[in-house]
C-alpha atoms as a PDB file:
ATOM      1  CA  MET A   1     140.343  63.415 101.011  1.00  0.00           C
ATOM      2  CA  GLU A   2     142.733  66.111 102.518  1.00  0.00           C
ATOM      3  CA  HIS A   3     140.700  68.578 100.978  1.00  0.00           C
ATOM      4  CA  ILE A   4     137.453  67.256 102.862  1.00  0.00           C
ATOM      5  CA  LEU A   5     139.418  67.583 105.921  1.00  0.00           C
ATOM      6  CA  ASP A   6     140.605  71.127 105.565  1.00  0.00           C
ATOM      7  CA  SER A   7     136.938  72.401 104.554  1.00  0.00           C
ATOM      8  CA  ASN A   8     134.721  74.101 107.014  1.00  0.00           C
ATOM      9  CA  PHE A   9     131.036  73.704 107.800  1.00  0.00           C
ATOM     10  CA  SER A  10     129.007  75.067 110.499  1.00  0.00           C
ATOM     11  CA  ILE A  11     127.336  73.239 113.069  1.00  0.00           C
ATOM     12  CA  ALA A  12     124.911  74.256 116.076  1.00  0.00           C
ATOM     13  CA  ILE A  13     126.549  73.990 119.881  1.00  0.00           C
ATOM     14  CA  ARG A  14     123.627  72.018 120.516  1.00  0.00           C
ATOM     15  CA  GLU A  15     124.892  69.237 117.881  1.00  0.00           C
ATOM     16  CA  LEU A  16     128.322  69.723 118.888  1.00  0.00           C
ATOM     17  CA  LEU A  17     127.629  68.926 122.252  1.00  0.00           C
ATOM     18  CA  ALA A  18     125.475  66.096 121.732  1.00  0.00           C
ATOM     19  CA  ILE A  19     127.769  64.018 119.215  1.00  0.00           C
ATOM     20  CA  SER A  20     131.259  65.015 121.145  1.00  0.00           C
ATOM     21  CA  PRO A  21     131.611  63.822 124.763  1.00  0.00           C
ATOM     22  CA  GLU A  22     135.218  65.474 124.719  1.00  0.00           C
ATOM     23  CA  VAL A  23     133.774  69.119 124.064  1.00  0.00           C
ATOM     24  CA  ARG A  24     130.850  68.550 126.199  1.00  0.00           C
ATOM     25  CA  LYS A  25     133.139  68.077 129.160  1.00  0.00           C
ATOM     26  CA  GLN A  26     135.459  70.923 128.507  1.00  0.00           C
ATOM     27  CA  PHE A  27     132.439  73.113 127.684  1.00  0.00           C
ATOM     28  CA  ARG A  28     131.006  71.689 131.054  1.00  0.00           C
ATOM     29  CA  ASN A  29     134.483  72.591 132.500  1.00  0.00           C
ATOM     30  CA  MET A  30     134.575  76.264 131.388  1.00  0.00           C
ATOM     31  CA  THR A  31     131.027  76.785 132.491  1.00  0.00           C
ATOM     32  CA  THR A  32     130.817  75.316 135.748  1.00  0.00           C
ATOM     33  CA  ASN A  33     130.212  77.521 138.700  1.00  0.00           C
ATOM     34  CA  LYS A  34     133.687  77.741 140.974  1.00  0.00           C
ATOM     35  CA  HIS A  35     133.482  78.235 144.541  1.00  0.00           C
ATOM     36  CA  VAL A  36     135.618  81.026 145.505  1.00  0.00           C
ATOM     37  CA  THR A  37     136.135  82.028 149.282  1.00  0.00           C
ATOM     38  CA  VAL A  38     136.599  85.950 149.891  1.00  0.00           C
ATOM     39  CA  GLY A  39     137.192  86.424 153.663  1.00  0.00           C
ATOM     40  CA  THR A  40     133.890  85.164 155.506  1.00  0.00           C
ATOM     41  CA  VAL A  41     132.017  85.716 152.007  1.00  0.00           C
ATOM     42  CA  SER A  42     131.030  83.074 149.343  1.00  0.00           C
ATOM     43  CA  ILE A  43     130.549  83.807 146.093  1.00  0.00           C
ATOM     44  CA  ASN A  44     130.276  81.833 142.696  1.00  0.00           C
ATOM     45  CA  LYS A  45     132.399  82.673 139.828  1.00  0.00           C
ATOM     46  CA  LEU A  46     131.575  81.491 136.323  1.00  0.00           C
ATOM     47  CA  SER A  47     134.649  80.588 134.485  1.00  0.00           C
ATOM     48  CA  GLY A  48     134.760  81.059 130.633  1.00  0.00           C
ATOM     49  CA  HIS A  49     137.083  82.507 128.051  1.00  0.00           C
ATOM     50  CA  PHE A  50     136.583  85.642 125.895  1.00  0.00           C
ATOM     51  CA  ALA A  51     134.517  85.351 122.739  1.00  0.00           C
ATOM     52  CA  THR A  52     136.409  85.409 119.583  1.00  0.00           C
ATOM     53  CA  ASP A  53     135.727  87.956 116.884  1.00  0.00           C
ATOM     54  CA  ARG A  54     134.607  85.659 114.582  1.00  0.00           C
ATOM     55  CA  TRP A  55     132.016  83.890 117.122  1.00  0.00           C
ATOM     56  CA  MET A  56     130.465  87.623 117.697  1.00  0.00           C
ATOM     57  CA  SER A  57     130.271  88.339 114.288  1.00  0.00           C
ATOM     58  CA  GLN A  58     127.360  86.054 113.630  1.00  0.00           C
ATOM     59  CA  TYR A  59     125.698  87.981 115.894  1.00  0.00           C
ATOM     60  CA  ASP A  60     126.789  91.409 114.786  1.00  0.00           C
ATOM     61  CA  ASN A  61     123.390  92.096 113.425  1.00  0.00           C
ATOM     62  CA  LEU A  62     121.414  91.243 116.258  1.00  0.00           C
ATOM     63  CA  CYS A  63     123.199  93.219 118.967  1.00  0.00           C
ATOM     64  CA  THR A  64     121.706  96.423 120.354  1.00  0.00           C
ATOM     65  CA  ARG A  65     124.153  99.360 120.330  1.00  0.00           C
ATOM     66  CA  SER A  66     124.816 102.816 122.000  1.00  0.00           C
ATOM     67  CA  ASP A  67     125.189 105.959 120.034  1.00  0.00           C
ATOM     68  CA  ASP A  68     129.320 105.312 120.407  1.00  0.00           C
ATOM     69  CA  GLY A  69     128.771 101.975 118.902  1.00  0.00           C
ATOM     70  CA  HIS A  70     129.540  99.917 121.845  1.00  0.00           C
ATOM     71  CA  ILE A  71     127.072  96.579 122.575  1.00  0.00           C
ATOM     72  CA  VAL A  72     125.033  97.269 125.398  1.00  0.00           C
ATOM     73  CA  ALA A  73     121.670  95.700 126.960  1.00  0.00           C
ATOM     74  CA  ASP A  74     118.606  95.669 125.584  1.00  0.00           C
ATOM     75  CA  HIS A  75     115.584  97.087 127.566  1.00  0.00           C
ATOM     76  CA  PHE A  76     113.800  94.104 128.055  1.00  0.00           C
ATOM     77  CA  VAL A  77     114.464  90.371 126.788  1.00  0.00           C
ATOM     78  CA  PRO A  78     111.820  87.455 127.358  1.00  0.00           C
ATOM     79  CA  LEU A  79     112.379  84.555 129.546  1.00  0.00           C
ATOM     80  CA  CYS A  80     113.544  81.494 127.854  1.00  0.00           C
ATOM     81  CA  CYS A  81     111.085  78.359 127.879  1.00  0.00           C
ATOM     82  CA  ILE A  82     111.566  74.596 127.367  1.00  0.00           C
ATOM     83  CA  CYS A  83     108.673  71.933 126.984  1.00  0.00           C
ATOM     84  CA  ALA A  84     107.969  69.191 129.267  1.00  0.00           C
ATOM     85  CA  THR A  85     105.973  66.144 129.337  1.00  0.00           C
ATOM     86  CA  THR A  86     104.009  65.221 132.348  1.00  0.00           C
ATOM     87  CA  VAL A  87     100.926  63.450 133.550  1.00  0.00           C
ATOM     88  CA  GLY A  88      98.728  61.558 130.706  1.00  0.00           C
ATOM     89  CA  GLY A  89     101.418  62.270 128.065  1.00  0.00           C
ATOM     90  CA  CYS A  90     100.431  66.399 128.508  1.00  0.00           C
ATOM     91  CA  LYS A  91     102.891  68.877 127.015  1.00  0.00           C
ATOM     92  CA  LEU A  92     103.616  72.025 128.985  1.00  0.00           C
ATOM     93  CA  THR A  93     105.512  74.985 128.170  1.00  0.00           C
ATOM     94  CA  CYS A  94     107.948  76.059 131.246  1.00  0.00           C
ATOM     95  CA  VAL A  95     109.358  79.045 131.919  1.00  0.00           C
ATOM     96  CA  LEU A  96     113.184  79.338 132.978  1.00  0.00           C
ATOM     97  CA  ASN A  97     113.526  81.817 135.956  1.00  0.00           C
ATOM     98  CA  GLN A  98     116.442  80.922 138.036  1.00  0.00           C
ATOM     99  CA  GLY A  99     115.750  84.144 140.495  1.00  0.00           C
ATOM    100  CA  ALA A 100     112.054  82.019 141.826  1.00  0.00           C
ATOM    101  CA  GLU A 101     112.637  80.015 144.794  1.00  0.00           C
ATOM    102  CA  VAL A 102     109.714  77.604 143.783  1.00  0.00           C
ATOM    103  CA  VAL A 103     108.473  75.872 140.858  1.00  0.00           C
ATOM    104  CA  VAL A 104     104.923  77.218 140.130  1.00  0.00           C
ATOM    105  CA  MET A 105     101.745  75.997 138.209  1.00  0.00           C
ATOM    106  CA  PRO A 106      98.485  77.947 137.789  1.00  0.00           C
ATOM    107  CA  LYS A 107      95.611  76.077 139.137  1.00  0.00           C
ATOM    108  CA  GLU A 108      94.059  75.889 135.499  1.00  0.00           C
ATOM    109  CA  VAL A 109      96.589  73.729 134.429  1.00  0.00           C
ATOM    110  CA  TRP A 110      96.473  71.601 137.767  1.00  0.00           C
ATOM    111  CA  LYS A 111      92.933  71.286 136.996  1.00  0.00           C
ATOM    112  CA  SER A 112      93.417  69.802 133.859  1.00  0.00           C
ATOM    113  CA  LEU A 113      96.075  67.004 134.972  1.00  0.00           C
ATOM    114  CA  SER A 114      93.271  65.998 137.203  1.00  0.00           C
ATOM    115  CA  ILE A 115      96.001  65.130 139.924  1.00  0.00           C
ATOM    116  CA  GLY A 116      96.053  65.393 143.967  1.00  0.00           C
ATOM    117  CA  LEU A 117      97.271  68.505 145.721  1.00  0.00           C
ATOM    118  CA  ARG A 118      98.195  68.823 149.372  1.00  0.00           C
ATOM    119  CA  SER A 119      96.693  71.778 150.741  1.00  0.00           C
ATOM    120  CA  ASP A 120      98.409  71.745 154.176  1.00  0.00           C
ATOM    121  CA  HIS A 121     101.545  72.603 152.377  1.00  0.00           C
ATOM    122  CA  ARG A 122     100.756  76.249 151.421  1.00  0.00           C
ATOM    123  CA  LEU A 123     103.418  79.092 150.730  1.00  0.00           C
ATOM    124  CA  ASN A 124     103.580  82.838 151.015  1.00  0.00           C
ATOM    125  CA  MET A 125     104.952  84.014 147.835  1.00  0.00           C
ATOM    126  CA  GLU A 126     106.009  87.567 147.664  1.00  0.00           C
ATOM    127  CA  SER A 127     106.787  89.383 144.382  1.00  0.00           C
ATOM    128  CA  VAL A 128     109.109  91.852 142.936  1.00  0.00           C
ATOM    129  CA  ASN A 129     106.462  94.474 143.528  1.00  0.00           C
ATOM    130  CA  MET A 130     106.165  93.551 147.099  1.00  0.00           C
ATOM    131  CA  SER A 131     102.516  91.913 146.733  1.00  0.00           C
ATOM    132  CA  GLN A 132     101.986  88.759 148.551  1.00  0.00           C
ATOM    133  CA  ASP A 133      99.872  85.755 147.690  1.00  0.00           C
ATOM    134  CA  VAL A 134      99.360  82.438 149.301  1.00  0.00           C
ATOM    135  CA  THR A 135      99.459  79.305 147.071  1.00  0.00           C
ATOM    136  CA  LEU A 136      96.752  76.627 147.024  1.00  0.00           C
ATOM    137  CA  GLY A 137      98.856  73.894 147.854  1.00  0.00           C
ATOM    138  CA  VAL A 138     101.489  71.544 146.509  1.00  0.00           C
ATOM    139  CA  ILE A 139     101.595  68.877 143.872  1.00  0.00           C
ATOM    140  CA  GLU A 140     104.380  66.288 145.312  1.00  0.00           C
ATOM    141  CA  ASN A 141     106.504  64.337 143.245  1.00  0.00           C
ATOM    142  CA  ILE A 142     104.985  64.881 139.882  1.00  0.00           C
ATOM    143  CA  LEU A 143     107.157  63.576 137.093  1.00  0.00           C
ATOM    144  CA  LEU A 144     108.089  65.963 134.246  1.00  0.00           C
ATOM    145  CA  ASN A 145     109.962  64.916 131.337  1.00  0.00           C
ATOM    146  CA  PHE A 146     112.454  67.362 129.665  1.00  0.00           C
ATOM    147  CA  GLY A 147     113.279  64.924 126.724  1.00  0.00           C
ATOM    148  CA  GLY A 148     115.816  62.708 128.598  1.00  0.00           C
ATOM    149  CA  GLY A 149     113.528  60.691 131.136  1.00  0.00           C
ATOM    150  CA  PRO A 150     110.970  61.891 134.044  1.00  0.00           C
ATOM    151  CA  MET A 151     112.227  63.653 136.991  1.00  0.00           C
ATOM    152  CA  CYS A 152     110.020  64.328 140.289  1.00  0.00           C
ATOM    153  CA  PHE A 153     109.361  67.674 141.360  1.00  0.00           C
ATOM    154  CA  GLN A 154     107.172  69.559 143.929  1.00  0.00           C
ATOM    155  CA  ILE A 155     105.096  72.117 142.333  1.00  0.00           C
ATOM    156  CA  GLN A 156     103.368  74.763 144.203  1.00  0.00           C
ATOM    157  CA  VAL A 157      99.855  75.796 142.589  1.00  0.00           C
ATOM    158  CA  THR A 158      99.072  79.399 142.452  1.00  0.00           C
ATOM    159  CA  GLU A 159      95.522  80.943 141.752  1.00  0.00           C
ATOM    160  CA  CYS A 160      96.557  82.471 138.515  1.00  0.00           C
ATOM    161  CA  ALA A 161      99.292  82.936 136.515  1.00  0.00           C
ATOM    162  CA  ASN A 162     100.440  83.576 132.713  1.00  0.00           C
ATOM    163  CA  PHE A 163     102.506  80.573 132.222  1.00  0.00           C
ATOM    164  CA  GLU A 164     101.893  77.204 132.600  1.00  0.00           C
ATOM    165  CA  ILE A 165     104.684  76.254 134.610  1.00  0.00           C
ATOM    166  CA  LEU A 166     107.693  78.155 136.058  1.00  0.00           C
ATOM    167  CA  LEU A 167     110.839  76.282 136.626  1.00  0.00           C
ATOM    168  CA  GLY A 168     112.273  78.469 139.506  1.00  0.00           C
ATOM    169  CA  HIS A 169     115.354  77.566 141.491  1.00  0.00           C
ATOM    170  CA  PRO A 170     114.558  73.949 142.842  1.00  0.00           C
ATOM    171  CA  PHE A 171     114.593  73.066 139.040  1.00  0.00           C
ATOM    172  CA  PHE A 172     117.785  74.439 138.609  1.00  0.00           C
ATOM    173  CA  ILE A 173     119.564  72.414 141.565  1.00  0.00           C
ATOM    174  CA  LEU A 174     118.053  69.276 140.886  1.00  0.00           C
ATOM    175  CA  THR A 175     119.199  69.469 136.921  1.00  0.00           C
ATOM    176  CA  SER A 176     122.699  70.729 137.820  1.00  0.00           C
ATOM    177  CA  CYS A 177     121.096  72.903 134.760  1.00  0.00           C
ATOM    178  CA  CYS A 178     123.966  74.710 133.041  1.00  0.00           C
ATOM    179  CA  THR A 179     122.634  77.717 130.876  1.00  0.00           C
ATOM    180  CA  PHE A 180     124.298  79.482 127.980  1.00  0.00           C
ATOM    181  CA  ASP A 181     123.047  82.492 127.100  1.00  0.00           C
ATOM    182  CA  LEU A 182     123.639  83.480 123.265  1.00  0.00           C
ATOM    183  CA  PRO A 183     123.761  87.219 122.091  1.00  0.00           C
ATOM    184  CA  ASN A 184     120.824  86.594 119.763  1.00  0.00           C
ATOM    185  CA  GLY A 185     118.650  85.936 123.052  1.00  0.00           C
ATOM    186  CA  GLU A 186     118.497  82.281 122.847  1.00  0.00           C
ATOM    187  CA  GLN A 187     119.343  80.107 125.600  1.00  0.00           C
ATOM    188  CA  ASP A 188     121.303  76.484 125.315  1.00  0.00           C
ATOM    189  CA  ILE A 189     120.830  74.654 128.478  1.00  0.00           C
ATOM    190  CA  LEU A 190     122.563  71.126 129.675  1.00  0.00           C
ATOM    191  CA  LEU A 191     120.554  69.216 132.460  1.00  0.00           C
ATOM    192  CA  THR A 192     121.508  66.054 134.112  1.00  0.00           C
ATOM    193  CA  ASP A 193     119.217  63.432 135.479  1.00  0.00           C
ATOM    194  CA  PRO A 194     120.546  62.835 139.388  1.00  0.00           C
ATOM    195  CA  ASN A 195     119.052  59.398 139.348  1.00  0.00           C
ATOM    196  CA  MET A 196     120.021  58.029 136.295  1.00  0.00           C
ATOM    197  CA  HIS A 197     123.104  60.309 135.839  1.00  0.00           C
ATOM    198  CA  LYS A 198     122.394  61.181 132.256  1.00  0.00           C
ATOM    199  CA  GLU A 199     122.881  64.474 130.659  1.00  0.00           C
ATOM    200  CA  MET A 200     120.073  66.182 128.204  1.00  0.00           C
END
């Protein structure tokens, strides 16, 4: 028995968080935004701890390095995606983008769902290159299920886009989304249903 208790085995962080409420609580405490006031300016500080050499070593061959051996950022890393089920059991790939101020869906996807659109709630959207587009309207209170039960979202519909759904800042606020980015480009996320008080 002692030999079994002293033996090592690997487990994914996602699985560990799923089976251990105490570890999940400590993980949340370490990664939750802390509000810090500096004079009259408010900033958010993400608390955490230094990665250990043992933890970083598993990603060592995946890191980009400069000529002097320092680990550096990549030129380009794609945004992470999660899957959601919506109207009629339709499965959609959702791009996570906290930099967007809205949740957006292209017209082609909206039409395939055969649901209503409020065309009197249009928005002017400005892209990073300063170009502007007007949305076609909003789908109100559409249900999206990320695996823990449905939640209601307001989704703006745009003429065309290269995604099925873009989950902007309203998604992160509603779900109290905590993200943990890994050196290999993957991302672990923890969502909370604000109505059911359930984590997923």
